[in-house]
Amino acid sequence: MIKRTVGAEPVYSYAISNAPASTPLGTLVWLSSVRWAIEQCFAESKTDLGMDHYERRKYTGWYYHMLITMLAHFFLGHLKLKLGKKSPSADGLAAPDLLGGGVALAEV
């Protein structure tokens, strides 16, 4: 399968599949794109959540560390979708509109 971007200078990417010939093209395209999401999840978990900061000696300790890191990544992603954009001020409240003399309007 060959994919390319649309634009003045297209970028091509190639993928080889062992899927049956009856597999729909849309399914192949979706499956080839899933890898990018997994790689992004690992990269963000390593930098933001400390996935690569483990010192475990047994498989179960490593497994639990990876599991908790992935759950934390999912939780933060869910919060980001639920809450939307960051607020414009540092305290989390919307900044009030200032009038000309430094007087702020208070909302009731």
N, C-alpha and C. Protein backbone atom coordinates (compact mmCIF):
# COMPACT_ATOMS: atom_id res chain seq x y z
N MET A 1 0.85 -1.16 0.00
CA MET A 1 0.00 0.00 0.00
C MET A 1 0.90 1.23 0.00
N ILE A 2 0.54 2.21 -0.78
CA ILE A 2 1.27 3.47 -0.84
C ILE A 2 0.29 4.58 -0.48
N LYS A 3 0.66 5.40 0.51
CA LYS A 3 -0.16 6.56 0.88
C LYS A 3 0.64 7.82 0.57
N ARG A 4 -0.07 8.90 0.24
CA ARG A 4 0.61 10.17 0.02
C ARG A 4 -0.24 11.30 0.57
N THR A 5 0.43 12.38 0.94
CA THR A 5 -0.27 13.56 1.41
C THR A 5 -0.70 14.39 0.21
N VAL A 6 -1.70 15.23 0.42
CA VAL A 6 -2.19 16.10 -0.63
C VAL A 6 -1.51 17.46 -0.46
N GLY A 7 -0.97 18.00 -1.53
CA GLY A 7 -0.31 19.29 -1.45
C GLY A 7 0.65 19.47 -2.61
N ALA A 8 1.35 20.59 -2.58
CA ALA A 8 2.29 20.91 -3.66
C ALA A 8 3.45 19.90 -3.70
N GLU A 9 3.95 19.51 -2.54
CA GLU A 9 5.02 18.52 -2.47
C GLU A 9 4.53 17.33 -1.63
N PRO A 10 3.94 16.33 -2.30
CA PRO A 10 3.39 15.20 -1.53
C PRO A 10 4.49 14.36 -0.88
N VAL A 11 4.15 13.80 0.28
CA VAL A 11 5.04 12.90 1.00
C VAL A 11 4.44 11.50 0.88
N TYR A 12 5.25 10.54 0.48
CA TYR A 12 4.80 9.18 0.28
C TYR A 12 5.22 8.30 1.45
N SER A 13 4.34 7.37 1.84
CA SER A 13 4.69 6.36 2.83
C SER A 13 4.23 5.01 2.30
N TYR A 14 4.99 4.00 2.62
CA TYR A 14 4.75 2.67 2.09
C TYR A 14 4.48 1.69 3.23
N ALA A 15 3.62 0.71 2.96
CA ALA A 15 3.33 -0.32 3.95
C ALA A 15 3.09 -1.63 3.22
N ILE A 16 3.58 -2.70 3.82
CA ILE A 16 3.36 -4.04 3.30
C ILE A 16 2.41 -4.75 4.25
N SER A 17 1.45 -5.46 3.69
CA SER A 17 0.46 -6.15 4.52
C SER A 17 0.33 -7.60 4.08
N ASN A 18 0.03 -8.46 5.03
CA ASN A 18 -0.25 -9.86 4.72
C ASN A 18 -1.75 -10.14 4.90
N ALA A 19 -2.57 -9.10 4.83
CA ALA A 19 -4.02 -9.26 4.97
C ALA A 19 -4.57 -9.95 3.73
N PRO A 20 -5.71 -10.62 3.86
CA PRO A 20 -6.33 -11.27 2.70
C PRO A 20 -6.70 -10.24 1.63
N ALA A 21 -6.75 -10.65 0.40
CA ALA A 21 -7.09 -9.76 -0.72
C ALA A 21 -8.50 -9.20 -0.58
N SER A 22 -9.36 -9.84 0.18
CA SER A 22 -10.75 -9.37 0.35
C SER A 22 -10.87 -8.26 1.39
N THR A 23 -9.76 -7.88 2.05
CA THR A 23 -9.81 -6.82 3.06
C THR A 23 -10.10 -5.48 2.40
N PRO A 24 -11.10 -4.74 2.87
CA PRO A 24 -11.41 -3.43 2.28
C PRO A 24 -10.24 -2.45 2.40
N LEU A 25 -10.12 -1.57 1.44
CA LEU A 25 -9.03 -0.59 1.43
C LEU A 25 -9.09 0.32 2.65
N GLY A 26 -10.28 0.72 3.06
CA GLY A 26 -10.43 1.58 4.24
C GLY A 26 -9.89 0.93 5.50
N THR A 27 -10.08 -0.38 5.63
CA THR A 27 -9.55 -1.10 6.79
C THR A 27 -8.03 -1.12 6.78
N LEU A 28 -7.44 -1.32 5.60
CA LEU A 28 -5.98 -1.30 5.49
C LEU A 28 -5.40 0.06 5.84
N VAL A 29 -6.05 1.10 5.36
CA VAL A 29 -5.57 2.46 5.66
C VAL A 29 -5.68 2.73 7.16
N TRP A 30 -6.78 2.34 7.78
CA TRP A 30 -6.96 2.56 9.21
C TRP A 30 -5.91 1.79 10.01
N LEU A 31 -5.69 0.54 9.66
CA LEU A 31 -4.72 -0.27 10.39
C LEU A 31 -3.29 0.27 10.25
N SER A 32 -2.96 0.82 9.08
CA SER A 32 -1.62 1.37 8.91
C SER A 32 -1.44 2.67 9.70
N SER A 33 -2.53 3.34 10.02
CA SER A 33 -2.45 4.59 10.79
C SER A 33 -2.47 4.35 12.30
N VAL A 34 -2.91 3.18 12.75
CA VAL A 34 -2.99 2.88 14.17
C VAL A 34 -1.60 2.90 14.80
N ARG A 35 -0.59 2.49 14.05
CA ARG A 35 0.78 2.45 14.58
C ARG A 35 1.22 3.84 15.04
N TRP A 36 0.86 4.88 14.29
CA TRP A 36 1.25 6.24 14.66
C TRP A 36 0.67 6.62 16.01
N ALA A 37 -0.57 6.27 16.28
CA ALA A 37 -1.20 6.60 17.56
C ALA A 37 -0.51 5.88 18.71
N ILE A 38 -0.11 4.64 18.50
CA ILE A 38 0.58 3.88 19.54
C ILE A 38 1.94 4.50 19.82
N GLU A 39 2.67 4.85 18.76
CA GLU A 39 3.98 5.48 18.94
C GLU A 39 3.87 6.82 19.66
N GLN A 40 2.84 7.59 19.34
CA GLN A 40 2.63 8.88 20.00
C GLN A 40 2.30 8.67 21.48
N CYS A 41 1.51 7.66 21.78
CA CYS A 41 1.18 7.35 23.18
C CYS A 41 2.43 7.02 23.97
N PHE A 42 3.31 6.19 23.41
CA PHE A 42 4.55 5.84 24.10
C PHE A 42 5.45 7.05 24.27
N ALA A 43 5.58 7.89 23.25
CA ALA A 43 6.44 9.07 23.34
C ALA A 43 5.94 10.03 24.41
N GLU A 44 4.63 10.30 24.43
CA GLU A 44 4.07 11.21 25.43
C GLU A 44 4.17 10.62 26.84
N SER A 45 3.97 9.32 26.96
CA SER A 45 4.06 8.69 28.28
C SER A 45 5.49 8.71 28.81
N LYS A 46 6.45 8.58 27.92
CA LYS A 46 7.86 8.62 28.36
C LYS A 46 8.24 10.02 28.81
N THR A 47 7.85 11.04 28.07
CA THR A 47 8.28 12.40 28.41
C THR A 47 7.45 13.01 29.52
N ASP A 48 6.14 12.82 29.52
CA ASP A 48 5.26 13.50 30.47
C ASP A 48 5.02 12.71 31.75
N LEU A 49 4.99 11.39 31.67
CA LEU A 49 4.55 10.60 32.81
C LEU A 49 5.63 9.68 33.38
N GLY A 50 6.82 9.71 32.85
CA GLY A 50 7.91 8.92 33.42
C GLY A 50 7.84 7.44 33.14
N MET A 51 7.33 7.07 31.97
CA MET A 51 7.25 5.66 31.63
C MET A 51 8.64 5.01 31.60
N ASP A 52 9.64 5.78 31.22
CA ASP A 52 10.98 5.20 31.10
C ASP A 52 11.78 5.28 32.40
N HIS A 53 11.18 5.74 33.49
CA HIS A 53 11.86 5.85 34.78
C HIS A 53 11.43 4.72 35.71
N TYR A 54 11.72 3.53 35.32
CA TYR A 54 11.36 2.40 36.18
C TYR A 54 12.62 1.59 36.47
N GLU A 55 12.65 1.00 37.63
CA GLU A 55 13.74 0.13 38.04
C GLU A 55 13.11 -1.13 38.64
N ARG A 56 12.60 -1.94 37.78
CA ARG A 56 11.93 -3.16 38.23
C ARG A 56 12.80 -4.36 37.89
N ARG A 57 12.74 -5.36 38.74
CA ARG A 57 13.56 -6.56 38.51
C ARG A 57 12.73 -7.74 38.02
N LYS A 58 11.42 -7.65 38.14
CA LYS A 58 10.56 -8.74 37.71
C LYS A 58 9.54 -8.24 36.70
N TYR A 59 9.01 -9.16 35.93
CA TYR A 59 8.04 -8.82 34.90
C TYR A 59 6.79 -8.17 35.48
N THR A 60 6.30 -8.68 36.59
CA THR A 60 5.06 -8.13 37.15
C THR A 60 5.22 -6.68 37.56
N GLY A 61 6.38 -6.30 38.13
CA GLY A 61 6.62 -4.91 38.50
C GLY A 61 6.68 -4.02 37.27
N TRP A 62 7.33 -4.49 36.20
CA TRP A 62 7.41 -3.73 34.95
C TRP A 62 6.01 -3.59 34.35
N TYR A 63 5.26 -4.69 34.36
CA TYR A 63 3.92 -4.70 33.79
C TYR A 63 3.02 -3.70 34.51
N TYR A 64 3.05 -3.69 35.84
CA TYR A 64 2.22 -2.75 36.60
C TYR A 64 2.64 -1.30 36.34
N HIS A 65 3.93 -1.07 36.23
CA HIS A 65 4.40 0.29 35.95
C HIS A 65 3.88 0.77 34.59
N MET A 66 3.97 -0.08 33.58
CA MET A 66 3.48 0.26 32.24
C MET A 66 1.96 0.47 32.25
N LEU A 67 1.27 -0.39 32.96
CA LEU A 67 -0.19 -0.30 33.04
C LEU A 67 -0.63 1.01 33.69
N ILE A 68 -0.04 1.36 34.81
CA ILE A 68 -0.40 2.59 35.51
C ILE A 68 -0.05 3.82 34.66
N THR A 69 1.07 3.77 33.97
CA THR A 69 1.45 4.89 33.11
C THR A 69 0.46 5.06 31.97
N MET A 70 0.05 3.96 31.35
CA MET A 70 -0.92 4.04 30.26
C MET A 70 -2.28 4.52 30.76
N LEU A 71 -2.69 4.07 31.94
CA LEU A 71 -3.96 4.54 32.50
C LEU A 71 -3.91 6.03 32.81
N ALA A 72 -2.78 6.50 33.32
CA ALA A 72 -2.62 7.94 33.59
C ALA A 72 -2.67 8.73 32.30
N HIS A 73 -2.05 8.20 31.24
CA HIS A 73 -2.08 8.89 29.94
C HIS A 73 -3.51 8.96 29.41
N PHE A 74 -4.25 7.85 29.53
CA PHE A 74 -5.65 7.84 29.10
C PHE A 74 -6.48 8.84 29.90
N PHE A 75 -6.27 8.87 31.22
CA PHE A 75 -7.02 9.78 32.08
C PHE A 75 -6.75 11.24 31.71
N LEU A 76 -5.49 11.58 31.49
CA LEU A 76 -5.16 12.96 31.12
C LEU A 76 -5.71 13.32 29.75
N GLY A 77 -5.66 12.38 28.82
CA GLY A 77 -6.26 12.63 27.50
C GLY A 77 -7.75 12.83 27.59
N HIS A 78 -8.41 12.03 28.44
CA HIS A 78 -9.85 12.16 28.64
C HIS A 78 -10.19 13.52 29.25
N LEU A 79 -9.40 13.96 30.24
CA LEU A 79 -9.63 15.28 30.84
C LEU A 79 -9.43 16.40 29.82
N LYS A 80 -8.44 16.26 28.98
CA LYS A 80 -8.18 17.28 27.97
C LYS A 80 -9.36 17.39 27.00
N LEU A 81 -9.93 16.25 26.60
CA LEU A 81 -11.09 16.28 25.72
C LEU A 81 -12.32 16.85 26.43
N LYS A 82 -12.49 16.50 27.70
CA LYS A 82 -13.66 16.94 28.45
C LYS A 82 -13.62 18.43 28.78
N LEU A 83 -12.45 18.92 29.18
CA LEU A 83 -12.34 20.30 29.62
C LEU A 83 -12.06 21.28 28.48
N GLY A 84 -11.51 20.81 27.41
CA GLY A 84 -11.24 21.68 26.28
C GLY A 84 -9.98 22.49 26.45
N LYS A 85 -10.04 23.73 26.00
CA LYS A 85 -8.86 24.61 26.01
C LYS A 85 -8.48 25.01 27.43
N LYS A 86 -7.23 25.44 27.58
CA LYS A 86 -6.78 25.98 28.85
C LYS A 86 -7.41 27.35 29.07
N SER A 87 -7.57 27.74 30.32
CA SER A 87 -8.15 29.05 30.61
C SER A 87 -7.11 30.13 30.32
N PRO A 88 -7.55 31.35 30.02
CA PRO A 88 -6.62 32.41 29.65
C PRO A 88 -5.80 32.96 30.82
N SER A 89 -6.19 32.73 32.05
CA SER A 89 -5.43 33.28 33.18
C SER A 89 -4.82 32.15 34.00
N ALA A 90 -3.84 32.48 34.82
CA ALA A 90 -3.10 31.48 35.57
C ALA A 90 -3.94 30.84 36.69
N ASP A 91 -4.92 31.57 37.23
CA ASP A 91 -5.70 31.03 38.34
C ASP A 91 -6.88 30.18 37.90
N GLY A 92 -7.05 30.00 36.59
CA GLY A 92 -8.12 29.15 36.09
C GLY A 92 -9.43 29.87 35.88
N LEU A 93 -9.50 31.16 36.22
CA LEU A 93 -10.71 31.94 36.02
C LEU A 93 -10.53 32.82 34.79
N ALA A 94 -11.61 33.12 34.13
CA ALA A 94 -11.53 34.00 32.97
C ALA A 94 -11.13 35.40 33.41
N ALA A 95 -10.26 36.02 32.63
CA ALA A 95 -9.80 37.37 32.97
C ALA A 95 -10.94 38.37 32.77
N PRO A 96 -11.22 39.25 33.75
CA PRO A 96 -12.30 40.22 33.60
C PRO A 96 -11.90 41.32 32.62
N ASP A 97 -12.91 41.90 31.99
CA ASP A 97 -12.65 43.02 31.09
C ASP A 97 -12.37 44.27 31.92
N LEU A 98 -11.31 44.95 31.58
CA LEU A 98 -10.93 46.16 32.33
C LEU A 98 -11.48 47.40 31.62
N LEU A 99 -11.97 48.32 32.40
CA LEU A 99 -12.40 49.60 31.87
C LEU A 99 -11.23 50.57 31.91
N GLY A 100 -11.35 51.73 31.35
CA GLY A 100 -10.25 52.70 31.34
C GLY A 100 -9.84 53.23 32.65
N GLY A 101 -9.57 53.24 33.62
CA GLY A 101 -9.15 53.66 34.92
C GLY A 101 -8.75 52.50 35.81
N GLY A 102 -8.61 51.34 35.27
CA GLY A 102 -8.19 50.20 36.07
C GLY A 102 -9.32 49.58 36.87
N VAL A 103 -10.59 49.93 36.56
CA VAL A 103 -11.73 49.39 37.27
C VAL A 103 -12.19 48.14 36.55
N ALA A 104 -12.37 47.09 37.26
CA ALA A 104 -12.81 45.83 36.65
C ALA A 104 -14.30 45.63 36.91
N LEU A 105 -15.00 45.14 35.94
CA LEU A 105 -16.42 44.83 36.11
C LEU A 105 -16.55 43.49 36.83
N ALA A 106 -17.38 43.43 37.82
CA ALA A 106 -17.62 42.17 38.53
C ALA A 106 -18.90 41.54 38.01
N GLU A 107 -18.84 40.27 37.70
CA GLU A 107 -20.03 39.56 37.22
C GLU A 107 -20.77 39.01 38.42
N VAL A 108 -22.10 39.10 38.37
CA VAL A 108 -22.93 38.62 39.47
C VAL A 108 -23.69 37.41 39.04
